[in-house]
Amino acid sequence: MKVLAIRTDEPEARLYLFENKDKLNSIKWQAHRQLTETIHNRINEILDESS
């Protein structure tokens, strides 16, 4: 089972993609006030890279 973990409690947002206990990929970027404008593109990016 794949799990997407999202961390947005700091100005630098992070996405992690896991399969079972293995980390497949991660992305971090300076989102801060643009989080709502950038997070969907970053989610698509991490999912596309893992396909």
Protein backbone atom coordinates (compact mmCIF):
# COMPACT_ATOMS: atom_id res chain seq x y z
CA MET A 1 0.00 0.00 0.00
CA LYS A 2 1.31 3.45 -0.91
CA VAL A 3 1.02 6.31 1.58
CA LEU A 4 1.49 10.02 0.86
CA ALA A 5 2.67 11.95 3.93
CA ILE A 6 2.32 15.74 3.93
CA ARG A 7 4.15 18.08 6.31
CA THR A 8 3.18 21.75 6.17
CA ASP A 9 3.80 23.01 9.71
CA GLU A 10 6.90 25.00 8.67
CA PRO A 11 7.62 27.45 5.82
CA GLU A 12 9.36 24.58 4.00
CA ALA A 13 6.67 22.07 2.98
CA ARG A 14 7.51 18.40 2.51
CA LEU A 15 5.88 15.45 0.81
CA TYR A 16 6.92 11.85 1.34
CA LEU A 17 5.76 8.81 -0.58
CA PHE A 18 6.05 5.43 1.13
CA GLU A 19 5.24 1.92 0.06
CA ASN A 20 4.82 -0.18 3.17
CA LYS A 21 7.85 0.90 5.27
CA ASP A 22 10.05 1.93 2.32
CA LYS A 23 10.40 5.60 1.35
CA LEU A 24 10.02 5.84 -2.42
CA ASN A 25 10.43 9.57 -2.89
CA SER A 26 10.34 12.94 -1.15
CA ILE A 27 9.99 16.57 -2.20
CA LYS A 28 10.58 19.74 -0.19
CA TRP A 29 10.08 23.34 -1.23
CA GLN A 30 9.66 26.81 0.20
CA ALA A 31 5.87 26.99 0.18
CA HIS A 32 5.09 29.37 3.06
CA ARG A 33 2.25 31.64 1.89
CA GLN A 34 1.99 30.00 -1.54
CA LEU A 35 1.17 26.56 -0.15
CA THR A 36 -2.38 26.46 -1.52
CA GLU A 37 -1.08 27.52 -4.94
CA THR A 38 1.74 24.95 -5.11
CA ILE A 39 0.77 21.84 -3.17
CA HIS A 40 -1.41 20.20 -5.84
CA ASN A 41 1.33 20.52 -8.47
CA ARG A 42 3.87 19.03 -6.06
CA ILE A 43 1.56 16.14 -5.20
CA ASN A 44 1.13 15.39 -8.91
CA GLU A 45 4.89 15.62 -9.37
CA ILE A 46 5.74 13.10 -6.62
CA LEU A 47 3.03 10.68 -7.80
CA ASP A 48 4.12 10.92 -11.46
CA GLU A 49 7.76 10.27 -10.53
CA SER A 50 6.80 7.11 -8.65
CA SER A 51 4.74 5.62 -11.49
